[in-house]
C-alpha atoms as a PDB file:
ATOM      1  CA  UNK A   1    -158.744 -74.918 -92.302  1.00  0.00           C
ATOM      2  CA  UNK A   2    -155.999 -76.647 -90.362  1.00  0.00           C
ATOM      3  CA  UNK A   3    -153.835 -73.750 -89.135  1.00  0.00           C
ATOM      4  CA  UNK A   4    -151.169 -76.145 -87.891  1.00  0.00           C
ATOM      5  CA  UNK A   5    -150.446 -76.953 -91.540  1.00  0.00           C
ATOM      6  CA  UNK A   6    -149.305 -73.368 -92.230  1.00  0.00           C
ATOM      7  CA  UNK A   7    -145.491 -73.440 -92.436  1.00  0.00           C
ATOM      8  CA  UNK A   8    -143.596 -70.968 -90.249  1.00  0.00           C
ATOM      9  CA  UNK A   9    -140.739 -69.641 -92.386  1.00  0.00           C
ATOM     10  CA  UNK A  10    -137.343 -68.926 -90.814  1.00  0.00           C
ATOM     11  CA  UNK A  11    -136.285 -65.343 -90.295  1.00  0.00           C
ATOM     12  CA  UNK A  12    -135.801 -62.580 -87.768  1.00  0.00           C
ATOM     13  CA  UNK A  13    -138.465 -60.773 -85.764  1.00  0.00           C
ATOM     14  CA  UNK A  14    -138.525 -56.963 -85.552  1.00  0.00           C
ATOM     15  CA  UNK A  15    -140.504 -54.624 -83.307  1.00  0.00           C
ATOM     16  CA  UNK A  16    -140.709 -50.874 -82.903  1.00  0.00           C
ATOM     17  CA  UNK A  17    -142.026 -48.546 -80.237  1.00  0.00           C
ATOM     18  CA  UNK A  18    -142.553 -44.809 -80.511  1.00  0.00           C
ATOM     19  CA  UNK A  19    -142.022 -42.325 -77.690  1.00  0.00           C
ATOM     20  CA  UNK A  20    -142.492 -38.563 -77.638  1.00  0.00           C
ATOM     21  CA  UNK A  21    -141.156 -35.510 -75.861  1.00  0.00           C
ATOM     22  CA  UNK A  22    -141.227 -31.740 -76.292  1.00  0.00           C
ATOM     23  CA  UNK A  23    -138.020 -29.734 -76.485  1.00  0.00           C
ATOM     24  CA  UNK A  24    -136.483 -26.594 -77.878  1.00  0.00           C
ATOM     25  CA  UNK A  25    -133.167 -26.078 -79.574  1.00  0.00           C
ATOM     26  CA  UNK A  26    -131.173 -23.980 -81.930  1.00  0.00           C
ATOM     27  CA  UNK A  27    -128.227 -24.838 -84.121  1.00  0.00           C
ATOM     28  CA  UNK A  28    -125.638 -22.151 -83.457  1.00  0.00           C
ATOM     29  CA  UNK A  29    -123.297 -23.575 -86.104  1.00  0.00           C
ATOM     30  CA  UNK A  30    -125.612 -22.364 -88.861  1.00  0.00           C
ATOM     31  CA  UNK A  31    -125.497 -18.883 -90.410  1.00  0.00           C
ATOM     32  CA  UNK A  32    -127.619 -16.253 -88.643  1.00  0.00           C
ATOM     33  CA  UNK A  33    -130.042 -16.075 -91.570  1.00  0.00           C
ATOM     34  CA  UNK A  34    -130.859 -19.811 -91.360  1.00  0.00           C
ATOM     35  CA  UNK A  35    -134.153 -20.309 -89.500  1.00  0.00           C
ATOM     36  CA  UNK A  36    -132.750 -23.195 -87.433  1.00  0.00           C
ATOM     37  CA  UNK A  37    -130.061 -20.951 -85.969  1.00  0.00           C
ATOM     38  CA  UNK A  38    -132.849 -19.278 -83.978  1.00  0.00           C
ATOM     39  CA  UNK A  39    -134.509 -20.805 -80.930  1.00  0.00           C
ATOM     40  CA  UNK A  40    -137.440 -23.045 -81.867  1.00  0.00           C
ATOM     41  CA  UNK A  41    -139.111 -26.203 -80.632  1.00  0.00           C
ATOM     42  CA  UNK A  42    -140.368 -29.567 -81.758  1.00  0.00           C
ATOM     43  CA  UNK A  43    -142.760 -32.258 -80.642  1.00  0.00           C
ATOM     44  CA  UNK A  44    -140.179 -34.989 -81.085  1.00  0.00           C
ATOM     45  CA  UNK A  45    -141.102 -38.585 -81.784  1.00  0.00           C
ATOM     46  CA  UNK A  46    -138.445 -41.219 -81.189  1.00  0.00           C
ATOM     47  CA  UNK A  47    -138.853 -44.755 -82.468  1.00  0.00           C
ATOM     48  CA  UNK A  48    -136.645 -47.588 -81.287  1.00  0.00           C
ATOM     49  CA  UNK A  49    -136.429 -50.678 -83.503  1.00  0.00           C
ATOM     50  CA  UNK A  50    -135.273 -54.016 -82.067  1.00  0.00           C
ATOM     51  CA  UNK A  51    -134.720 -57.436 -83.593  1.00  0.00           C
ATOM     52  CA  UNK A  52    -134.152 -61.020 -82.484  1.00  0.00           C
ATOM     53  CA  UNK A  53    -133.724 -64.346 -84.273  1.00  0.00           C
ATOM     54  CA  UNK A  54    -136.050 -66.038 -81.775  1.00  0.00           C
ATOM     55  CA  UNK A  55    -138.784 -65.033 -79.359  1.00  0.00           C
ATOM     56  CA  UNK A  56    -138.838 -64.949 -75.583  1.00  0.00           C
ATOM     57  CA  UNK A  57    -141.912 -66.258 -73.742  1.00  0.00           C
ATOM     58  CA  UNK A  58    -144.762 -65.829 -74.430  1.00  0.00           C
ATOM     59  CA  UNK A  59    -143.672 -64.780 -77.921  1.00  0.00           C
ATOM     60  CA  UNK A  60    -141.922 -61.389 -77.677  1.00  0.00           C
ATOM     61  CA  UNK A  61    -138.750 -59.904 -79.123  1.00  0.00           C
ATOM     62  CA  UNK A  62    -138.875 -57.703 -76.029  1.00  0.00           C
ATOM     63  CA  UNK A  63    -141.851 -56.948 -73.821  1.00  0.00           C
ATOM     64  CA  UNK A  64    -142.837 -53.359 -74.677  1.00  0.00           C
ATOM     65  CA  UNK A  65    -143.139 -52.707 -70.936  1.00  0.00           C
ATOM     66  CA  UNK A  66    -139.407 -53.371 -70.561  1.00  0.00           C
ATOM     67  CA  UNK A  67    -138.764 -50.224 -72.636  1.00  0.00           C
ATOM     68  CA  UNK A  68    -140.299 -47.956 -69.966  1.00  0.00           C
ATOM     69  CA  UNK A  69    -136.873 -46.817 -68.653  1.00  0.00           C
ATOM     70  CA  UNK A  70    -136.192 -45.251 -72.069  1.00  0.00           C
ATOM     71  CA  UNK A  71    -139.375 -43.171 -71.776  1.00  0.00           C
ATOM     72  CA  UNK A  72    -138.412 -42.241 -68.219  1.00  0.00           C
ATOM     73  CA  UNK A  73    -135.025 -41.036 -69.485  1.00  0.00           C
ATOM     74  CA  UNK A  74    -136.639 -38.922 -72.224  1.00  0.00           C
ATOM     75  CA  UNK A  75    -139.086 -37.401 -69.734  1.00  0.00           C
ATOM     76  CA  UNK A  76    -136.526 -36.678 -67.030  1.00  0.00           C
ATOM     77  CA  UNK A  77    -133.593 -35.490 -69.109  1.00  0.00           C
ATOM     78  CA  UNK A  78    -134.850 -34.109 -72.442  1.00  0.00           C
ATOM     79  CA  UNK A  79    -138.523 -33.174 -72.161  1.00  0.00           C
ATOM     80  CA  UNK A  80    -139.096 -29.413 -71.996  1.00  0.00           C
ATOM     81  CA  UNK A  81    -135.376 -28.600 -72.114  1.00  0.00           C
ATOM     82  CA  UNK A  82    -133.276 -26.587 -74.526  1.00  0.00           C
ATOM     83  CA  UNK A  83    -131.291 -29.400 -76.092  1.00  0.00           C
ATOM     84  CA  UNK A  84    -128.397 -27.180 -77.197  1.00  0.00           C
ATOM     85  CA  UNK A  85    -127.875 -26.252 -73.533  1.00  0.00           C
ATOM     86  CA  UNK A  86    -127.703 -29.797 -72.141  1.00  0.00           C
ATOM     87  CA  UNK A  87    -126.226 -31.977 -74.895  1.00  0.00           C
ATOM     88  CA  UNK A  88    -122.494 -32.003 -75.716  1.00  0.00           C
ATOM     89  CA  UNK A  89    -123.151 -31.614 -79.472  1.00  0.00           C
ATOM     90  CA  UNK A  90    -125.287 -29.546 -81.828  1.00  0.00           C
ATOM     91  CA  UNK A  91    -128.686 -31.204 -81.436  1.00  0.00           C
ATOM     92  CA  UNK A  92    -129.537 -32.123 -84.993  1.00  0.00           C
ATOM     93  CA  UNK A  93    -131.957 -35.018 -85.387  1.00  0.00           C
ATOM     94  CA  UNK A  94    -129.131 -37.145 -86.790  1.00  0.00           C
ATOM     95  CA  UNK A  95    -126.899 -36.634 -83.769  1.00  0.00           C
ATOM     96  CA  UNK A  96    -129.804 -36.978 -81.373  1.00  0.00           C
ATOM     97  CA  UNK A  97    -130.685 -40.364 -82.920  1.00  0.00           C
ATOM     98  CA  UNK A  98    -127.084 -41.546 -82.513  1.00  0.00           C
ATOM     99  CA  UNK A  99    -126.941 -40.292 -78.915  1.00  0.00           C
ATOM    100  CA  UNK A 100    -130.219 -42.007 -78.010  1.00  0.00           C
ATOM    101  CA  UNK A 101    -128.979 -45.244 -79.572  1.00  0.00           C
ATOM    102  CA  UNK A 102    -125.862 -45.012 -77.401  1.00  0.00           C
ATOM    103  CA  UNK A 103    -127.902 -44.394 -74.255  1.00  0.00           C
ATOM    104  CA  UNK A 104    -130.207 -47.309 -75.078  1.00  0.00           C
ATOM    105  CA  UNK A 105    -127.314 -49.705 -75.698  1.00  0.00           C
ATOM    106  CA  UNK A 106    -125.484 -48.666 -72.533  1.00  0.00           C
ATOM    107  CA  UNK A 107    -128.436 -48.517 -70.155  1.00  0.00           C
ATOM    108  CA  UNK A 108    -131.195 -50.757 -71.413  1.00  0.00           C
ATOM    109  CA  UNK A 109    -129.971 -53.329 -73.889  1.00  0.00           C
ATOM    110  CA  UNK A 110    -127.929 -55.428 -71.434  1.00  0.00           C
ATOM    111  CA  UNK A 111    -131.085 -56.086 -69.393  1.00  0.00           C
ATOM    112  CA  UNK A 112    -133.525 -56.985 -72.174  1.00  0.00           C
ATOM    113  CA  UNK A 113    -133.741 -59.552 -74.945  1.00  0.00           C
ATOM    114  CA  UNK A 114    -133.534 -58.272 -78.480  1.00  0.00           C
ATOM    115  CA  UNK A 115    -130.912 -56.082 -80.137  1.00  0.00           C
ATOM    116  CA  UNK A 116    -131.313 -52.412 -81.028  1.00  0.00           C
ATOM    117  CA  UNK A 117    -131.268 -52.022 -84.802  1.00  0.00           C
ATOM    118  CA  UNK A 118    -132.047 -48.327 -85.229  1.00  0.00           C
ATOM    119  CA  UNK A 119    -133.352 -45.157 -83.640  1.00  0.00           C
ATOM    120  CA  UNK A 120    -135.513 -42.797 -85.660  1.00  0.00           C
ATOM    121  CA  UNK A 121    -136.020 -39.181 -84.533  1.00  0.00           C
ATOM    122  CA  UNK A 122    -138.886 -37.249 -86.066  1.00  0.00           C
ATOM    123  CA  UNK A 123    -138.993 -33.445 -85.695  1.00  0.00           C
ATOM    124  CA  UNK A 124    -142.178 -33.008 -87.736  1.00  0.00           C
ATOM    125  CA  UNK A 125    -144.587 -35.293 -89.580  1.00  0.00           C
ATOM    126  CA  UNK A 126    -142.480 -34.935 -92.715  1.00  0.00           C
ATOM    127  CA  UNK A 127    -138.917 -34.678 -91.340  1.00  0.00           C
ATOM    128  CA  UNK A 128    -136.927 -37.437 -89.664  1.00  0.00           C
ATOM    129  CA  UNK A 129    -133.446 -38.862 -89.211  1.00  0.00           C
ATOM    130  CA  UNK A 130    -132.524 -42.474 -88.535  1.00  0.00           C
ATOM    131  CA  UNK A 131    -129.369 -43.894 -86.989  1.00  0.00           C
ATOM    132  CA  UNK A 132    -128.710 -47.553 -87.831  1.00  0.00           C
ATOM    133  CA  UNK A 133    -126.635 -49.418 -85.252  1.00  0.00           C
ATOM    134  CA  UNK A 134    -123.842 -51.523 -86.717  1.00  0.00           C
ATOM    135  CA  UNK A 135    -124.018 -55.219 -85.822  1.00  0.00           C
ATOM    136  CA  UNK A 136    -122.999 -55.892 -82.261  1.00  0.00           C
END
């Protein structure tokens, strides 16, 4: 088969990378009888999703290695902390996803190719929240 005869359709490229950290929290805005109003913890997974209309050499949206500062931030600032004690908002997964998108855009996006599309925060295997970034 002549692989050079396969047409390459136009479109955008999308990548994702998952990171993890451990943290505790409680949601003091909930009624006392709600289980999430009590201190508890999660093995959080955070996925960042980036897109680009074209690829950088040798064929990347963004080199996955260029995302290392995001992992360093998670490790240094959030891992093994009580999130309700360090964040300026009630640390729901929804708000955490929005916050992490903001940090990524401010601190990492200017230095890398690709544009952040969304951040997904998973508290458990069956529970997640996703923040979609409006077009920039």
